[in-house]
Structure formats: structure tokens, C-alpha cells
Amino acid sequence: MAQIKSQIKRIETNERSRQRNVAVRSRIATESKKVVALVEKKDVEAAKKQLVVACKLIDKSVTAGVYARNTAARKKSYLQRLVNSVK
């Protein structure tokens, strides 16, 4: 265990960040799975609406520093291609 006060604070803030990152990633995974499920049901309109929700979350995660820009772009592109394949 660290004995330096600033290091103890750093450990605490790192843990808070880690927990937030885990929660955000879990939420994005859930929303992405909803898009995939709607695509499998061939429900285009609902899939498009869910895609907007998922993309917003992914964009916010980049702003918060949870995902890198390219990772977010890759995830959004994957979902968009899925939705477009249904048409």
C-alpha cells in the first residue's frame, strides 16, 4: 500500500475512473447487442432508432476518454454496416 498522500489519492481516483469505464463499456455493449438483435429480427426502423442511441453513447465515451477515437469509429461503423445490410 502506498504511503505518500498524493499516491493514495491517485489510487482512489484511478479506481473511480476504472469503475466508470467498466460501466460505460458495459452500457455500450448492451445497446450494441440490442441493435444486433433488431437486425436479426429484420426490424429496420427500430434498429435505426437503436443505432442512434448506441452511436450517441459511443461518441460520449470518446469525450470521456473511455474509448479512443478510432475504436469508437470502428464500433459505429460495424453497427452501421449491420443496419444497412438489412435493407
Protein backbone atom coordinates (compact mmCIF):
# COMPACT_ATOMS: atom_id res chain seq x y z
CA MET A 1 0.00 0.00 0.00
CA ALA A 2 1.21 3.47 -0.84
CA GLN A 3 2.24 5.76 2.00
CA ILE A 4 2.55 9.02 0.08
CA LYS A 5 -0.62 11.10 0.30
CA SER A 6 -0.67 12.07 -3.38
CA GLN A 7 -0.22 8.45 -4.43
CA ILE A 8 -3.10 7.35 -2.20
CA LYS A 9 -5.30 9.98 -3.88
CA ARG A 10 -4.15 8.78 -7.30
CA ILE A 11 -5.04 5.18 -6.46
CA GLU A 12 -8.52 6.29 -5.38
CA THR A 13 -9.16 8.38 -8.49
CA ASN A 14 -7.86 5.59 -10.73
CA GLU A 15 -10.32 3.18 -9.14
CA ARG A 16 -13.21 5.59 -9.65
CA SER A 17 -12.22 6.04 -13.29
CA ARG A 18 -11.92 2.28 -13.77
CA GLN A 19 -15.40 1.69 -12.37
CA ARG A 20 -16.86 4.42 -14.59
CA ASN A 21 -15.10 2.98 -17.65
CA VAL A 22 -16.41 -0.52 -16.91
CA ALA A 23 -19.96 0.83 -16.54
CA VAL A 24 -19.77 2.83 -19.78
CA ARG A 25 -18.33 -0.11 -21.74
CA SER A 26 -21.00 -2.42 -20.37
CA ARG A 27 -23.76 0.01 -21.36
CA ILE A 28 -22.35 0.34 -24.88
CA ALA A 29 -22.16 -3.45 -25.21
CA THR A 30 -25.79 -3.75 -24.11
CA GLU A 31 -27.01 -1.11 -26.56
CA SER A 32 -24.96 -2.68 -29.38
CA LYS A 33 -26.47 -6.09 -28.66
CA LYS A 34 -29.92 -4.52 -28.92
CA VAL A 35 -29.04 -3.24 -32.41
CA VAL A 36 -27.79 -6.69 -33.44
CA ALA A 37 -30.96 -8.34 -32.09
CA LEU A 38 -33.20 -5.94 -34.03
CA VAL A 39 -31.19 -6.55 -37.21
CA GLU A 40 -31.65 -10.29 -36.76
CA LYS A 41 -35.41 -9.72 -36.44
CA LYS A 42 -35.23 -7.62 -39.65
CA ASP A 43 -36.84 -4.66 -37.87
CA VAL A 44 -35.17 -1.83 -39.80
CA GLU A 45 -36.91 1.16 -38.23
CA ALA A 46 -36.34 0.06 -34.66
CA ALA A 47 -32.74 -0.87 -35.49
CA LYS A 48 -32.13 2.63 -36.86
CA LYS A 49 -33.52 4.22 -33.70
CA GLN A 50 -31.42 1.96 -31.52
CA LEU A 51 -28.37 2.70 -33.67
CA VAL A 52 -28.75 6.41 -32.90
CA VAL A 53 -28.82 5.64 -29.17
CA ALA A 54 -25.75 3.40 -29.40
CA CYS A 55 -23.79 5.91 -31.51
CA LYS A 56 -24.54 8.71 -29.05
CA LEU A 57 -23.21 6.62 -26.20
CA ILE A 58 -20.10 5.70 -28.17
CA ASP A 59 -19.45 9.35 -29.00
CA LYS A 60 -19.86 10.36 -25.37
CA SER A 61 -17.42 7.64 -24.34
CA VAL A 62 -14.77 9.19 -26.60
CA THR A 63 -15.33 12.57 -24.98
CA ALA A 64 -14.98 11.00 -21.53
CA GLY A 65 -11.80 9.21 -22.58
CA VAL A 66 -13.19 5.69 -22.22
CA TYR A 67 -12.58 4.76 -25.87
CA ALA A 68 -10.04 6.02 -28.36
CA ARG A 69 -11.36 7.82 -31.45
CA ASN A 70 -10.57 5.00 -33.87
CA THR A 71 -12.05 2.34 -31.61
CA ALA A 72 -15.29 4.28 -31.42
CA ALA A 73 -15.32 4.80 -35.18
CA ARG A 74 -14.82 1.08 -35.72
CA LYS A 75 -17.68 0.18 -33.39
CA LYS A 76 -20.04 2.68 -35.01
CA SER A 77 -19.06 1.53 -38.49
CA TYR A 78 -19.73 -2.10 -37.58
CA LEU A 79 -23.20 -1.29 -36.30
CA GLN A 80 -23.98 0.93 -39.28
CA ARG A 81 -22.98 -1.80 -41.74
CA LEU A 82 -25.23 -4.26 -39.90
CA VAL A 83 -28.23 -1.94 -40.13
CA ASN A 84 -27.54 -1.17 -43.79
CA SER A 85 -27.31 -4.88 -44.63
CA VAL A 86 -30.96 -5.36 -43.68
CA LYS A 87 -32.31 -3.03 -46.37
